[in-house]
Protein backbone atom coordinates (compact mmCIF):
# COMPACT_ATOMS: atom_id res chain seq x y z
CA MET A 1 100.77 96.60 67.42
CA ASP A 2 102.34 100.04 67.86
CA GLN A 3 100.81 101.72 70.92
CA SER A 4 102.65 105.00 70.35
CA LYS A 5 99.84 106.13 68.03
CA ASN A 6 97.55 106.26 71.09
CA ASP A 7 100.01 108.14 73.31
CA VAL A 8 99.04 111.65 74.35
CA HIS A 9 101.32 114.40 75.59
CA VAL A 10 100.32 117.57 77.42
CA PHE A 11 102.26 120.33 79.14
CA VAL A 12 101.97 120.98 82.87
CA ASN A 13 103.73 124.15 84.02
CA ARG A 14 105.59 124.06 80.67
CA ARG A 15 106.85 120.51 81.29
CA LYS A 16 105.89 117.72 78.89
CA VAL A 17 103.90 114.88 80.49
CA GLU A 18 103.03 111.75 78.49
CA PHE A 19 100.12 109.34 78.87
CA GLN A 20 99.24 106.08 77.14
CA THR A 21 95.55 107.00 77.23
CA ALA A 22 93.67 110.24 76.69
CA GLU A 23 91.17 109.55 79.49
CA VAL A 24 92.52 110.55 82.92
CA THR A 25 91.33 112.24 86.11
CA GLY A 26 92.63 115.48 87.52
CA ARG A 27 94.38 113.42 90.20
CA GLN A 28 96.17 111.24 87.61
CA LEU A 29 97.33 114.30 85.70
CA LEU A 30 98.64 115.95 88.87
CA GLU A 31 100.46 112.81 89.98
CA ALA A 32 102.02 112.23 86.55
CA ALA A 33 103.37 115.79 86.72
CA GLY A 34 104.87 115.16 90.17
CA PHE A 35 102.23 116.82 92.37
CA THR A 36 100.79 114.63 95.12
CA GLY A 37 97.71 115.14 97.26
CA PRO A 38 94.66 117.32 96.77
CA GLY A 39 96.40 120.55 97.90
CA TRP A 40 96.92 121.75 94.33
CA ASP A 41 94.71 123.63 91.89
CA LEU A 42 94.86 122.29 88.35
CA LEU A 43 93.93 124.72 85.58
CA ARG A 44 93.40 123.95 81.89
CA ILE A 45 94.79 126.91 79.96
CA GLN A 46 94.68 127.99 76.33
CA GLY A 47 98.45 128.28 75.95
CA GLU A 48 100.88 130.07 78.22
CA GLY A 49 99.44 133.53 77.64
CA ASP A 50 95.83 132.65 78.52
CA PRO A 51 94.27 135.94 79.72
CA THR A 52 91.45 134.10 81.55
CA GLY A 53 93.80 132.37 83.96
CA GLY A 54 92.41 128.98 82.97
CA THR A 55 89.55 126.66 83.86
CA LEU A 56 89.70 124.88 87.22
CA ILE A 57 89.82 121.07 86.99
CA MET A 58 88.64 119.19 90.07
CA TYR A 59 90.76 116.43 91.65
CA ASP A 60 88.25 113.67 90.76
CA GLN A 61 87.08 115.17 87.45
CA SER A 62 87.42 113.02 84.32
CA LEU A 63 89.29 114.56 81.40
CA VAL A 64 89.84 113.63 77.79
CA LEU A 65 93.27 114.98 76.91
CA LYS A 66 94.27 116.37 73.54
CA ASN A 67 97.86 116.38 72.31
CA GLY A 68 99.63 119.60 73.13
CA GLU A 69 97.13 120.91 75.71
CA HIS A 70 98.49 123.14 78.46
CA PHE A 71 97.77 122.98 82.17
CA ARG A 72 98.99 125.00 85.14
CA VAL A 73 99.34 123.77 88.72
CA ILE A 74 99.35 126.23 91.60
CA PRO A 75 99.09 125.72 95.38
CA GLY A 76 95.46 125.37 96.44
CA ASN A 77 96.05 127.17 99.74
CA ARG A 78 97.57 130.28 98.23
CA THR A 79 96.88 133.73 99.60
CA PHE A 80 97.42 136.95 97.72
CA GLY A 81 98.59 140.13 99.42
CA GLY A 82 97.96 139.09 102.82
């Protein structure tokens, strides 16, 4: 049986990340994209020009991924301006 029909790909910081299942947690998505530990904020965005800045996804939150979705990862301890 060809499992490739069930594969899902998304983009994290413009980099393609592939999964064999559409059901993952925020942690699994972060780790698959190369980000380890809970010190990152994961945002689901509506394409690269999303004016809202995205929707925050929690580390232990369950997600159902759709092919071609976009996510952004930024440091969770960021400070702006200082």
